[in-house]
Amino acid sequence: MVAVPKDGTVQILVGKVDDILQYAIGDPLRYLANWGRLYSFWPVHLETACCTPPDTLILGDNKPISEYAVGDGVAGASGHGRVTRTFHREHQGTLIRLAGRGMLPLLVTPEHPVLTVERRMSGGKGTFSVDRVWKQARDLVPSPRVKEDGKFLYPTGRHDCLLIPRLKGQCEPTSIDLGPNATRRGVNIVRGRGENPPLSFPLNADTAWLLGIYAAEGWTTRNHDVYFSFGHDEGPLVRRVKEIAESLGYFPSVKARETTTVVRFSSSILARALREWCGHLAENKKIPDFLLYHTDTGLLKAFIRGYLDGDGSETTDPRGPVFARADTTSKVLALQLQLAYARLGEFARVSLGRRGGVSSVMGRTVKTHDAYEVSVLTSERKTADFSIGQDFVAVPIRSISEVSYSGPVMNLETTDNTYLVSNATVHNCSVEVGAAAGSRFDMERFGALEAFGSLRQCDLLIVMGTITRKLAPRLKMVYDQMAEPKWVIAMGACAITGGLYFDSYNVLRGIDDIIPVDVYIPGCPPRAEAVLQGIVLLQEKVRRLPSLSGA
């Protein structure tokens, strides 16, 4: 424990520093002890890591956020990464519902950081900024209405845009090993019949197209057969599937049924592989990761072409534009298609179409799933309400609303500190101090208490996040109002060097430009263990102070 002249403990003022709080210094948060209240620059709960409802679908391992565990794969701004930690807590209050134009809506807690760019409107035309900024969800500004009662409004002003990342290729396999999908007994039986089953699946334009067709029209029986179903007028597709299957060493048969033409071949190994790669049943279909993240975008194009050949159609808007569109009951596939098109430099609009539920089909009661519509403009574009950059696709926010919510919320810490919610890029900041204060790390055992009455009763100021020049004077004011002795910890790359935005005109390259720093905790973000180490290092520094040597 650090003995200081006040109360024998180190009390901490901790908070996210951002120019969006220029007006909110000192907003109370929650009681951390029955005799003290925490104050913060960013008026949020200490455990703001938990920022989305548990049923939020996260791409990567393609499951709800509540099912993610350490080590699972997750899609982020830089591509496919890994989960390094999970968080959850109870939340009571409101969630922010953000809906981008051509994007599925996302629900996050009000303080959750969302990566945005600004769009300036003048006379109805927009110019997109090149500066990317993390903003709290509650402070985002939606785009103005451009049309009302059939008349154009030609709005003027500024609003925010969500960012869909243009993922980079991360793998380049030329074939996929089928060994994990084979059993020794099954292989021996086939070889006993004098056959040699294929144990690898080559990756080329034809096989990628075949996987796309399977995502649209294919299914498998458990551990046995592979099927493709087509209309009677889709002879070219039937012949191509048959030819590709034969080139892979299989023996397909074609059978005309009452309403469809079915291509079938037997391969328990490939049947298991296709279920793993592309999913089973329409509502579970997906793009294989080895195609979505392949360095050769030609393979991804071939998959999309195959999928559209199977489930796609062409529609013409009454105003003239032509769209390629497809409907799917798989939310994962709809979101993956949007990411895939972003990789290819195009913007695919995704919207919720028919709602699922119980309905009657030909006199039978059936349960249907939600349907999602994916559409891409294929004709020449005159104007666009989105912007395709080198790293992101910027999409205006159509609407922002508050939703009452009471229940658990979740968050992930990932290897690149970002993940995607409805393909919008969000950050996983604010988790470290909350984790360090929790039962697992128990920061209080080192004599550091997160409880105090006001900033004038604090000994330690921890600064996290990007500090803009607009907020710098207010940070200096807060530091000056703290009574001596006082210490400062710069936590994370943003506070130490400016982080990702070190070369921006309005970002400080470290808070030590305006206030003295005693301990630097590197990382983006640093782990909770690093926070504890920083506290211990500061305690050692305090013990060596001549003025406190006798304390």
Protein backbone atom coordinates (compact mmCIF):
# COMPACT_ATOMS: atom_id res chain seq x y z
CA MET A 1 0.00 0.00 0.00
CA VAL A 2 1.20 3.52 -0.78
CA ALA A 3 0.99 5.82 2.23
CA VAL A 4 0.25 9.42 1.26
CA PRO A 5 -0.84 12.34 3.47
CA LYS A 6 -4.52 12.06 2.47
CA ASP A 7 -6.02 8.74 3.44
CA GLY A 8 -3.33 6.12 3.03
CA THR A 9 -4.38 4.99 -0.43
CA VAL A 10 -3.95 6.02 -4.04
CA GLN A 11 -7.27 7.20 -5.47
CA ILE A 12 -7.74 7.19 -9.20
CA LEU A 13 -9.40 9.58 -11.61
CA VAL A 14 -9.79 7.54 -14.77
CA GLY A 15 -11.55 8.26 -18.01
CA LYS A 16 -11.59 8.32 -21.76
CA VAL A 17 -10.41 11.68 -23.05
CA ASP A 18 -12.09 12.94 -26.20
CA ASP A 19 -13.30 16.24 -27.58
CA ILE A 20 -16.87 14.98 -27.49
CA LEU A 21 -16.77 15.56 -23.74
CA GLN A 22 -15.76 19.18 -23.81
CA TYR A 23 -19.04 19.95 -22.06
CA ALA A 24 -19.37 16.92 -19.77
CA ILE A 25 -16.44 16.95 -17.36
CA GLY A 26 -17.54 15.67 -14.00
CA ASP A 27 -20.64 13.71 -14.93
CA PRO A 28 -21.20 11.17 -12.14
CA LEU A 29 -21.13 7.49 -12.94
CA ARG A 30 -21.94 4.83 -10.38
CA TYR A 31 -21.08 4.13 -6.76
CA LEU A 32 -18.02 1.91 -6.47
CA ALA A 33 -18.12 2.07 -2.67
CA ASN A 34 -20.76 3.33 -0.29
CA TRP A 35 -18.64 6.36 0.52
CA GLY A 36 -17.39 7.46 -2.85
CA ARG A 37 -18.43 8.17 -6.41
CA LEU A 38 -16.35 7.85 -9.55
CA TYR A 39 -16.01 10.82 -11.90
CA SER A 40 -14.75 10.57 -15.46
CA PHE A 41 -14.05 12.66 -18.53
CA TRP A 42 -16.12 10.15 -20.49
CA PRO A 43 -19.31 9.61 -18.47
CA VAL A 44 -19.60 5.86 -18.90
CA HIS A 45 -19.66 2.79 -16.72
CA LEU A 46 -16.19 1.50 -15.96
CA GLU A 47 -17.01 -1.75 -17.72
CA THR A 48 -17.94 -0.17 -21.03
CA ALA A 49 -16.28 -3.16 -22.66
CA CYS A 50 -19.71 -4.81 -22.68
CA CYS A 51 -21.38 -2.99 -25.48
CA THR A 52 -23.68 -5.18 -27.57
CA PRO A 53 -26.63 -7.50 -26.81
CA PRO A 54 -25.79 -11.20 -26.53
CA ASP A 55 -27.59 -12.17 -29.76
CA THR A 56 -25.46 -9.81 -31.90
CA LEU A 57 -24.00 -11.75 -34.83
CA ILE A 58 -20.23 -11.33 -35.15
CA LEU A 59 -18.44 -12.47 -38.31
CA GLY A 60 -15.35 -14.62 -38.03
CA ASP A 61 -16.62 -17.81 -36.48
CA ASN A 62 -20.07 -16.53 -37.48
CA LYS A 63 -22.02 -16.84 -34.26
CA PRO A 64 -23.65 -14.63 -31.60
CA ILE A 65 -21.22 -12.64 -29.47
CA SER A 66 -22.39 -14.53 -26.37
CA GLU A 67 -20.96 -17.77 -27.81
CA TYR A 68 -17.46 -16.43 -28.48
CA ALA A 69 -14.55 -17.67 -26.42
CA VAL A 70 -10.84 -16.87 -26.25
CA GLY A 71 -9.10 -18.11 -29.38
CA ASP A 72 -12.15 -17.96 -31.67
CA GLY A 73 -11.80 -16.27 -35.04
CA VAL A 74 -13.25 -12.79 -35.52
CA ALA A 75 -13.40 -10.33 -38.43
CA GLY A 76 -11.97 -6.87 -37.75
CA ALA A 77 -10.84 -3.80 -39.63
CA SER A 78 -7.52 -5.44 -40.56
CA GLY A 79 -8.98 -8.82 -41.52
CA HIS A 80 -9.38 -12.12 -39.74
CA GLY A 81 -8.11 -12.04 -36.15
CA ARG A 82 -8.58 -13.80 -32.84
CA VAL A 83 -10.50 -13.14 -29.63
CA THR A 84 -8.12 -12.55 -26.71
CA ARG A 85 -10.74 -11.91 -24.02
CA THR A 86 -14.50 -11.76 -23.52
CA PHE A 87 -16.55 -9.51 -21.25
CA HIS A 88 -20.14 -9.35 -20.11
CA ARG A 89 -22.22 -7.42 -17.60
CA GLU A 90 -25.78 -6.34 -16.92
CA HIS A 91 -27.01 -3.16 -18.57
CA GLN A 92 -30.14 -1.20 -17.79
CA GLY A 93 -31.05 1.87 -19.78
CA THR A 94 -30.91 2.48 -23.50
CA LEU A 95 -29.08 1.14 -26.52
CA ILE A 96 -28.32 3.14 -29.65
CA ARG A 97 -29.71 1.73 -32.90
CA LEU A 98 -27.65 2.81 -35.90
CA ALA A 99 -28.88 2.14 -39.42
CA GLY A 100 -26.60 2.88 -42.36
CA ARG A 101 -28.01 3.22 -45.87
CA GLY A 102 -27.84 -0.25 -47.35
CA MET A 103 -26.66 -1.81 -44.07
CA LEU A 104 -28.40 -3.90 -41.46
CA PRO A 105 -28.95 -1.95 -38.21
CA LEU A 106 -26.66 -2.42 -35.22
CA LEU A 107 -27.34 -2.03 -31.50
CA VAL A 108 -24.60 -0.78 -29.17
CA THR A 109 -24.42 0.95 -25.81
CA PRO A 110 -24.38 4.77 -26.04
CA GLU A 111 -20.67 5.15 -25.23
CA HIS A 112 -19.40 2.50 -27.65
CA PRO A 113 -16.67 3.81 -30.03
CA VAL A 114 -17.61 3.59 -33.70
CA LEU A 115 -15.21 4.35 -36.55
CA THR A 116 -16.63 7.12 -38.76
CA VAL A 117 -15.86 9.71 -41.37
CA GLU A 118 -17.66 12.99 -41.86
CA ARG A 119 -19.65 13.91 -44.94
CA ARG A 120 -20.27 17.56 -45.79
CA MET A 121 -23.48 18.32 -47.68
CA SER A 122 -23.99 21.40 -49.83
CA GLY A 123 -26.97 21.81 -52.12
CA GLY A 124 -27.73 18.10 -51.88
CA LYS A 125 -24.23 16.99 -52.93
CA GLY A 126 -21.83 15.41 -50.46
CA THR A 127 -18.07 15.41 -49.95
CA PHE A 128 -16.52 12.71 -47.79
CA SER A 129 -13.70 13.55 -45.39
CA VAL A 130 -10.51 11.45 -45.48
CA ASP A 131 -10.01 11.68 -41.69
CA ARG A 132 -11.30 8.67 -39.80
CA VAL A 133 -12.51 9.41 -36.26
CA TRP A 134 -13.70 7.23 -33.37
CA LYS A 135 -16.94 8.62 -31.97
CA GLN A 136 -19.33 7.54 -29.28
CA ALA A 137 -22.51 6.05 -30.68
CA ARG A 138 -24.63 8.61 -28.81
CA ASP A 139 -22.83 11.50 -30.54
CA LEU A 140 -23.16 10.37 -34.14
CA VAL A 141 -25.17 12.56 -36.50
CA PRO A 142 -27.49 10.95 -39.09
CA SER A 143 -27.72 12.13 -42.68
CA PRO A 144 -30.51 14.62 -43.48
CA ARG A 145 -33.47 13.67 -45.60
CA VAL A 146 -32.89 14.36 -49.27
CA LYS A 147 -36.46 13.88 -50.41
CA GLU A 148 -39.86 14.59 -48.88
CA ASP A 149 -43.30 14.20 -50.45
CA GLY A 150 -41.65 13.50 -53.78
CA LYS A 151 -39.61 16.71 -53.75
CA PHE A 152 -35.83 16.98 -53.38
CA LEU A 153 -34.71 19.06 -50.39
CA TYR A 154 -31.05 19.74 -51.35
CA PRO A 155 -29.84 19.68 -47.71
CA THR A 156 -26.76 21.41 -46.37
CA GLY A 157 -24.75 20.41 -43.30
CA ARG A 158 -22.55 17.68 -41.90
CA HIS A 159 -23.27 14.13 -40.82
CA ASP A 160 -21.40 10.93 -39.98
CA CYS A 161 -20.82 7.78 -42.02
CA LEU A 162 -20.18 4.20 -40.95
CA LEU A 163 -17.16 2.40 -42.37
CA ILE A 164 -17.16 -1.10 -43.91
CA PRO A 165 -13.56 -2.37 -44.13
CA ARG A 166 -12.09 -3.52 -47.43
CA LEU A 167 -10.43 -6.64 -46.09
CA LYS A 168 -7.02 -7.64 -47.39
CA GLY A 169 -6.09 -11.14 -48.48
CA GLN A 170 -4.48 -13.18 -45.72
CA CYS A 171 -4.11 -16.67 -47.22
CA GLU A 172 -3.25 -18.16 -50.59
CA PRO A 173 -3.88 -21.92 -50.58
CA THR A 174 -3.96 -23.67 -53.93
CA SER A 175 -5.86 -26.65 -52.55
CA ILE A 176 -7.72 -27.68 -49.41
CA ASP A 177 -6.81 -30.87 -47.61
CA LEU A 178 -9.79 -33.23 -47.28
CA GLY A 179 -7.96 -35.50 -44.86
CA PRO A 180 -9.66 -34.06 -41.73
CA ASN A 181 -13.04 -34.90 -43.32
CA ALA A 182 -12.09 -38.50 -44.08
CA THR A 183 -12.15 -41.51 -41.79
CA ARG A 184 -9.54 -44.26 -41.99
CA ARG A 185 -12.22 -46.94 -42.16
CA GLY A 186 -14.09 -45.18 -44.96
CA VAL A 187 -10.94 -44.62 -47.03
CA ASN A 188 -9.92 -48.27 -46.64
CA ILE A 189 -13.37 -49.44 -47.75
CA VAL A 190 -13.25 -47.27 -50.88
CA ARG A 191 -9.71 -48.36 -51.70
CA GLY A 192 -10.79 -51.97 -51.16
CA ARG A 193 -13.19 -51.51 -54.06
CA GLY A 194 -10.30 -50.46 -56.26
CA GLU A 195 -11.11 -46.75 -56.12
CA ASN A 196 -8.87 -43.91 -55.03
CA PRO A 197 -10.96 -41.17 -53.32
CA PRO A 198 -9.80 -37.56 -53.81
CA LEU A 199 -8.17 -36.31 -50.60
CA SER A 200 -7.60 -32.72 -51.71
CA PHE A 201 -9.84 -30.07 -53.22
CA PRO A 202 -8.07 -27.80 -55.74
CA LEU A 203 -8.82 -24.10 -55.66
CA ASN A 204 -9.35 -22.50 -59.04
CA ALA A 205 -12.01 -20.47 -60.81
CA ASP A 206 -14.11 -23.56 -61.60
CA THR A 207 -14.10 -25.04 -58.09
CA ALA A 208 -14.75 -21.60 -56.53
CA TRP A 209 -17.73 -21.26 -58.89
CA LEU A 210 -18.89 -24.73 -57.82
CA LEU A 211 -18.79 -23.67 -54.15
CA GLY A 212 -20.86 -20.60 -55.05
CA ILE A 213 -23.44 -22.79 -56.79
CA TYR A 214 -23.48 -25.08 -53.74
CA ALA A 215 -24.16 -22.08 -51.45
CA ALA A 216 -27.13 -21.24 -53.68
CA GLU A 217 -28.54 -24.58 -54.77
CA GLY A 218 -26.68 -27.37 -52.99
CA TRP A 219 -27.16 -29.62 -49.99
CA THR A 220 -25.73 -32.86 -48.66
CA THR A 221 -27.00 -35.90 -46.85
CA ARG A 222 -25.09 -36.69 -43.70
CA ASN A 223 -21.87 -38.53 -44.53
CA HIS A 224 -22.88 -39.57 -48.03
CA ASP A 225 -24.21 -37.66 -51.07
CA VAL A 226 -23.84 -34.19 -52.59
CA TYR A 227 -26.84 -32.68 -54.42
CA PHE A 228 -27.45 -29.66 -56.67
CA SER A 229 -31.00 -28.70 -57.63
CA PHE A 230 -31.84 -26.65 -60.74
CA GLY A 231 -34.84 -25.65 -62.79
CA HIS A 232 -35.60 -27.58 -65.96
CA ASP A 233 -34.53 -24.57 -68.03
CA GLU A 234 -31.07 -24.33 -66.43
CA GLY A 235 -29.35 -26.87 -68.63
CA PRO A 236 -26.04 -24.96 -68.95
CA LEU A 237 -25.65 -24.90 -65.15
CA VAL A 238 -26.42 -28.62 -64.94
CA ARG A 239 -23.79 -29.45 -67.57
CA ARG A 240 -21.13 -27.26 -65.97
CA VAL A 241 -21.64 -28.72 -62.49
CA LYS A 242 -21.45 -32.22 -63.98
CA GLU A 243 -18.23 -31.42 -65.86
CA ILE A 244 -16.51 -29.89 -62.81
CA ALA A 245 -17.53 -32.84 -60.61
CA GLU A 246 -16.12 -35.27 -63.18
CA SER A 247 -12.85 -33.30 -63.35
CA LEU A 248 -12.52 -33.72 -59.58
CA GLY A 249 -12.80 -37.50 -59.85
CA TYR A 250 -16.46 -37.97 -58.95
CA PHE A 251 -19.21 -39.71 -60.92
CA PRO A 252 -22.27 -37.43 -61.04
CA SER A 253 -25.68 -38.46 -62.26
CA VAL A 254 -28.44 -36.20 -63.57
CA LYS A 255 -32.08 -36.95 -62.84
CA ALA A 256 -35.13 -34.94 -63.89
CA ARG A 257 -37.79 -34.79 -61.22
CA GLU A 258 -41.27 -33.28 -61.31
CA THR A 259 -40.22 -29.67 -60.72
CA THR A 260 -36.38 -29.78 -60.71
CA THR A 261 -33.32 -31.31 -62.29
CA VAL A 262 -30.96 -32.79 -59.70
CA VAL A 263 -27.23 -33.41 -60.06
CA ARG A 264 -26.03 -35.99 -57.52
CA PHE A 265 -22.77 -37.73 -56.76
CA SER A 266 -21.58 -39.79 -53.82
CA SER A 267 -18.67 -38.65 -51.65
CA SER A 268 -18.93 -38.81 -47.88
CA ILE A 269 -15.62 -36.92 -47.60
CA LEU A 270 -16.71 -33.97 -49.76
CA ALA A 271 -20.20 -34.01 -48.19
CA ARG A 272 -18.66 -33.42 -44.75
CA ALA A 273 -16.30 -30.78 -46.15
CA LEU A 274 -19.07 -28.83 -47.87
CA ARG A 275 -21.12 -28.76 -44.67
CA GLU A 276 -18.10 -27.36 -42.84
CA TRP A 277 -17.07 -24.86 -45.53
CA CYS A 278 -20.40 -23.57 -46.83
CA GLY A 279 -22.88 -24.56 -44.13
CA HIS A 280 -25.89 -26.85 -44.18
CA LEU A 281 -29.46 -25.75 -44.94
CA ALA A 282 -30.32 -22.38 -46.49
CA GLU A 283 -30.33 -20.39 -43.24
CA ASN A 284 -26.76 -21.52 -42.42
CA LYS A 285 -25.02 -20.97 -45.76
CA LYS A 286 -21.78 -18.97 -45.77
CA ILE A 287 -18.64 -18.11 -47.76
CA PRO A 288 -15.63 -20.27 -46.83
CA ASP A 289 -12.91 -18.29 -45.07
CA PHE A 290 -10.27 -19.59 -47.49
CA LEU A 291 -12.15 -17.73 -50.26
CA LEU A 292 -13.28 -14.64 -48.34
CA TYR A 293 -9.70 -13.93 -47.21
CA HIS A 294 -7.82 -15.35 -50.21
CA THR A 295 -5.23 -13.06 -51.77
CA ASP A 296 -6.53 -13.95 -55.25
CA THR A 297 -9.73 -11.94 -55.54
CA GLY A 298 -10.47 -13.79 -58.79
CA LEU A 299 -11.51 -16.81 -56.70
CA LEU A 300 -13.86 -14.62 -54.67
CA LYS A 301 -15.34 -13.23 -57.89
CA ALA A 302 -15.88 -16.76 -59.17
CA PHE A 303 -17.70 -17.75 -55.97
CA ILE A 304 -19.99 -14.72 -56.20
CA ARG A 305 -20.62 -15.45 -59.88
CA GLY A 306 -21.59 -19.02 -59.03
CA TYR A 307 -23.88 -17.88 -56.23
CA LEU A 308 -25.64 -15.34 -58.47
CA ASP A 309 -25.96 -17.92 -61.26
CA GLY A 310 -27.82 -20.09 -58.78
CA ASP A 311 -29.84 -17.64 -56.70
CA GLY A 312 -29.39 -14.27 -58.37
CA SER A 313 -31.50 -12.18 -60.68
CA GLU A 314 -31.32 -8.87 -62.49
CA THR A 315 -33.76 -6.08 -61.74
CA THR A 316 -34.21 -2.64 -63.27
CA ASP A 317 -35.23 0.32 -61.17
CA PRO A 318 -38.03 2.48 -62.64
CA ARG A 319 -35.50 5.33 -62.77
CA GLY A 320 -33.14 3.29 -64.96
CA PRO A 321 -30.37 1.70 -62.81
CA VAL A 322 -29.84 -2.05 -63.16
CA PHE A 323 -29.11 -4.18 -60.10
CA ALA A 324 -27.85 -7.72 -59.57
CA ARG A 325 -29.72 -9.05 -56.56
CA ALA A 326 -30.13 -12.19 -54.51
CA ASP A 327 -32.27 -13.25 -51.58
CA THR A 328 -31.02 -15.45 -48.76
CA THR A 329 -32.29 -16.58 -45.38
CA SER A 330 -28.70 -16.70 -44.08
CA LYS A 331 -27.76 -13.50 -42.27
CA VAL A 332 -24.14 -14.63 -42.19
CA LEU A 333 -24.06 -15.04 -45.97
CA ALA A 334 -25.71 -11.63 -46.53
CA LEU A 335 -23.11 -9.88 -44.36
CA GLN A 336 -20.25 -11.85 -45.92
CA LEU A 337 -21.41 -10.92 -49.41
CA GLN A 338 -21.33 -7.26 -48.39
CA LEU A 339 -17.75 -7.69 -47.13
CA ALA A 340 -16.79 -9.62 -50.27
CA TYR A 341 -18.09 -6.90 -52.56
CA ALA A 342 -16.25 -4.31 -50.47
CA ARG A 343 -13.03 -6.27 -51.08
CA LEU A 344 -13.77 -6.02 -54.80
CA GLY A 345 -14.35 -2.27 -54.65
CA GLU A 346 -18.16 -2.36 -54.83
CA PHE A 347 -20.92 -1.58 -52.35
CA ALA A 348 -23.58 -4.23 -51.86
CA ARG A 349 -26.75 -3.05 -50.16
CA VAL A 350 -28.21 -5.46 -47.61
CA SER A 351 -31.74 -5.10 -46.29
CA LEU A 352 -34.18 -7.19 -44.33
CA GLY A 353 -36.93 -8.42 -46.62
CA ARG A 354 -39.63 -10.84 -45.63
CA ARG A 355 -39.90 -11.46 -41.90
CA GLY A 356 -39.88 -15.05 -40.75
CA GLY A 357 -42.57 -16.75 -38.74
CA VAL A 358 -45.29 -19.34 -39.05
CA SER A 359 -47.12 -19.34 -42.38
CA SER A 360 -49.15 -21.65 -44.62
CA VAL A 361 -47.71 -23.10 -47.85
CA MET A 362 -49.97 -25.29 -50.03
CA GLY A 363 -52.17 -26.02 -47.04
CA ARG A 364 -49.26 -26.93 -44.74
CA THR A 365 -48.15 -24.94 -41.71
CA VAL A 366 -44.44 -24.18 -41.97
CA LYS A 367 -41.93 -22.08 -40.08
CA THR A 368 -40.02 -19.60 -42.23
CA HIS A 369 -36.87 -17.59 -41.56
CA ASP A 370 -36.09 -13.91 -42.08
CA ALA A 371 -35.05 -13.19 -45.68
CA TYR A 372 -32.27 -10.76 -46.57
CA GLU A 373 -31.92 -9.00 -49.90
CA VAL A 374 -28.46 -8.26 -51.31
CA SER A 375 -28.25 -5.94 -54.33
CA VAL A 376 -25.38 -4.42 -56.31
CA LEU A 377 -25.59 -1.74 -58.96
CA THR A 378 -24.32 -3.12 -62.27
CA SER A 379 -25.17 -0.23 -64.59
CA GLU A 380 -23.29 3.04 -64.81
CA ARG A 381 -23.60 5.14 -61.69
CA LYS A 382 -24.37 8.86 -62.04
CA THR A 383 -24.25 9.82 -58.38
CA ALA A 384 -23.58 7.85 -55.20
CA ASP A 385 -24.49 8.33 -51.56
CA PHE A 386 -21.47 6.28 -50.49
CA SER A 387 -17.72 6.47 -51.01
CA ILE A 388 -15.32 3.63 -51.80
CA GLY A 389 -11.85 4.37 -50.44
CA GLN A 390 -8.65 2.37 -50.40
CA ASP A 391 -9.33 0.79 -47.00
CA PHE A 392 -13.03 1.38 -46.27
CA VAL A 393 -16.42 1.93 -47.83
CA ALA A 394 -18.10 4.96 -46.21
CA VAL A 395 -21.88 4.66 -45.87
CA PRO A 396 -24.07 7.52 -44.51
CA ILE A 397 -26.03 6.84 -41.35
CA ARG A 398 -29.70 6.79 -42.32
CA SER A 399 -31.19 6.92 -38.84
CA ILE A 400 -30.27 6.88 -35.15
CA SER A 401 -32.69 5.96 -32.40
CA GLU A 402 -32.71 4.89 -28.76
CA VAL A 403 -34.04 1.52 -27.65
CA SER A 404 -34.89 0.69 -24.05
CA TYR A 405 -32.99 -2.36 -22.84
CA SER A 406 -32.46 -4.28 -19.65
CA GLY A 407 -30.28 -7.36 -19.67
CA PRO A 408 -26.77 -8.63 -20.38
CA VAL A 409 -24.41 -6.98 -22.84
CA MET A 410 -21.15 -8.38 -24.23
CA ASN A 411 -17.84 -7.29 -25.70
CA LEU A 412 -14.73 -8.86 -27.16
CA GLU A 413 -11.07 -7.96 -26.92
CA THR A 414 -9.42 -8.88 -30.22
CA THR A 415 -5.94 -9.00 -31.70
CA ASP A 416 -6.45 -5.81 -33.74
CA ASN A 417 -8.74 -4.15 -31.15
CA THR A 418 -11.68 -3.95 -33.56
CA TYR A 419 -14.54 -6.14 -34.68
CA LEU A 420 -17.53 -5.75 -36.96
CA VAL A 421 -21.17 -5.30 -35.95
CA SER A 422 -23.39 -5.47 -39.04
CA ASN A 423 -20.10 -4.84 -40.91
CA ALA A 424 -19.62 -1.44 -39.21
CA THR A 425 -16.20 -1.11 -37.57
CA VAL A 426 -16.33 -0.73 -33.78
CA HIS A 427 -13.57 -0.62 -31.15
CA ASN A 428 -13.05 -2.71 -28.04
CA CYS A 429 -11.56 0.05 -25.86
CA SER A 430 -12.25 0.75 -22.21
CA VAL A 431 -11.87 -2.80 -21.04
CA GLU A 432 -8.55 -2.70 -19.23
CA VAL A 433 -9.29 -0.60 -16.16
CA GLY A 434 -12.61 -2.33 -15.63
CA ALA A 435 -10.90 -5.71 -15.84
CA ALA A 436 -8.07 -4.60 -13.53
CA ALA A 437 -10.65 -3.50 -10.97
CA GLY A 438 -12.63 -6.73 -11.19
CA SER A 439 -12.37 -9.82 -9.06
CA ARG A 440 -9.84 -11.57 -11.30
CA PHE A 441 -7.08 -8.95 -10.99
CA ASP A 442 -8.33 -7.04 -7.91
CA MET A 443 -6.43 -3.78 -8.25
CA GLU A 444 -7.47 -2.80 -4.72
CA ARG A 445 -5.05 -5.36 -3.26
CA PHE A 446 -2.25 -3.06 -4.41
CA GLY A 447 -3.76 -0.12 -2.51
CA ALA A 448 -5.33 1.54 -5.55
CA LEU A 449 -8.98 2.41 -4.97
CA GLU A 450 -11.35 3.53 -7.71
CA ALA A 451 -13.42 5.63 -5.35
CA PHE A 452 -13.28 9.29 -4.55
CA GLY A 453 -15.44 12.35 -4.16
CA SER A 454 -14.11 14.63 -6.88
CA LEU A 455 -11.05 15.29 -8.98
CA ARG A 456 -9.65 17.52 -6.20
CA GLN A 457 -9.45 14.48 -3.96
CA CYS A 458 -7.60 12.32 -6.49
CA ASP A 459 -3.94 11.39 -6.39
CA LEU A 460 -3.67 9.70 -9.75
CA LEU A 461 -4.94 10.67 -13.20
CA ILE A 462 -5.03 7.89 -15.82
CA VAL A 463 -5.49 9.20 -19.34
CA MET A 464 -6.72 6.85 -22.09
CA GLY A 465 -7.65 7.56 -25.67
CA THR A 466 -6.93 10.19 -28.29
CA ILE A 467 -6.42 13.72 -27.00
CA THR A 468 -7.34 16.44 -29.45
CA ARG A 469 -6.01 19.98 -29.34
CA LYS A 470 -9.54 21.15 -28.62
CA LEU A 471 -9.64 19.16 -25.40
CA ALA A 472 -6.02 19.73 -24.36
CA PRO A 473 -6.74 22.93 -22.35
CA ARG A 474 -9.48 21.14 -20.42
CA LEU A 475 -7.20 18.23 -19.61
CA LYS A 476 -4.62 20.71 -18.36
CA MET A 477 -7.30 22.41 -16.26
CA VAL A 478 -8.30 19.12 -14.65
CA TYR A 479 -4.67 18.31 -13.87
CA ASP A 480 -4.14 21.76 -12.33
CA GLN A 481 -7.20 21.32 -10.10
CA MET A 482 -5.85 18.10 -8.60
CA ALA A 483 -4.15 18.69 -5.25
CA GLU A 484 -0.50 17.82 -4.62
CA PRO A 485 0.93 15.24 -4.53
CA LYS A 486 -0.42 14.01 -7.84
CA TRP A 487 0.71 11.60 -10.52
CA VAL A 488 -0.22 10.82 -14.12
CA ILE A 489 -0.29 7.57 -16.09
CA ALA A 490 -0.51 7.69 -19.89
CA MET A 491 -2.32 4.51 -20.85
CA GLY A 492 -2.31 3.17 -24.40
CA ALA A 493 -0.75 4.28 -27.66
CA CYS A 494 -3.26 7.10 -28.20
CA ALA A 495 -2.37 8.85 -24.95
CA ILE A 496 1.37 8.20 -25.34
CA THR A 497 2.00 9.05 -29.00
CA GLY A 498 -1.34 9.87 -30.61
CA GLY A 499 -1.86 6.28 -31.75
CA LEU A 500 -3.27 5.75 -35.23
CA TYR A 501 -3.86 9.48 -35.61
CA PHE A 502 -0.40 10.74 -34.61
CA ASP A 503 -0.04 12.60 -37.92
CA SER A 504 -3.45 14.27 -37.75
CA TYR A 505 -3.52 18.04 -37.56
CA ASN A 506 -5.78 18.09 -34.48
CA VAL A 507 -4.31 15.27 -32.35
CA LEU A 508 -1.63 15.67 -29.69
CA ARG A 509 1.37 13.39 -30.07
CA GLY A 510 1.21 12.42 -26.45
CA ILE A 511 -0.19 14.07 -23.35
CA ASP A 512 3.33 14.80 -22.08
CA ASP A 513 3.19 17.84 -24.36
CA ILE A 514 0.91 19.53 -21.84
CA ILE A 515 1.19 17.68 -18.51
CA PRO A 516 4.00 15.63 -16.90
CA VAL A 517 3.66 11.86 -17.11
CA ASP A 518 5.02 9.52 -14.45
CA VAL A 519 4.31 6.10 -15.99
CA TYR A 520 3.65 5.04 -19.59
CA ILE A 521 1.60 1.88 -20.25
CA PRO A 522 2.05 0.93 -23.93
CA GLY A 523 -0.40 -1.12 -25.99
CA CYS A 524 -3.51 -0.70 -28.11
CA PRO A 525 -5.13 -1.39 -25.81
CA PRO A 526 -2.84 -2.57 -22.99
CA ARG A 527 -3.87 -5.62 -21.02
CA ALA A 528 -5.24 -5.45 -17.49
CA GLU A 529 -1.98 -7.01 -16.26
CA ALA A 530 -0.10 -4.06 -17.79
CA VAL A 531 -2.34 -1.64 -15.87
CA LEU A 532 -1.52 -3.41 -12.63
CA GLN A 533 2.19 -3.30 -13.44
CA GLY A 534 1.91 0.42 -14.14
CA ILE A 535 0.28 0.97 -10.74
CA VAL A 536 3.04 -1.04 -9.02
CA LEU A 537 5.76 0.92 -10.85
CA LEU A 538 4.15 4.16 -9.78
CA GLN A 539 4.03 2.92 -6.19
CA GLU A 540 7.76 2.25 -6.31
CA LYS A 541 8.35 5.74 -7.67
CA VAL A 542 6.22 7.26 -4.90
CA ARG A 543 8.09 5.32 -2.20
CA ARG A 544 11.35 6.80 -3.43
CA LEU A 545 10.13 10.39 -3.16
CA PRO A 546 12.10 12.26 -0.43
CA SER A 547 8.96 14.04 0.78
CA LEU A 548 7.22 10.70 1.41
CA SER A 549 10.17 8.60 2.48
CA GLY A 550 9.08 8.71 6.11
CA ALA A 551 5.42 7.91 5.38
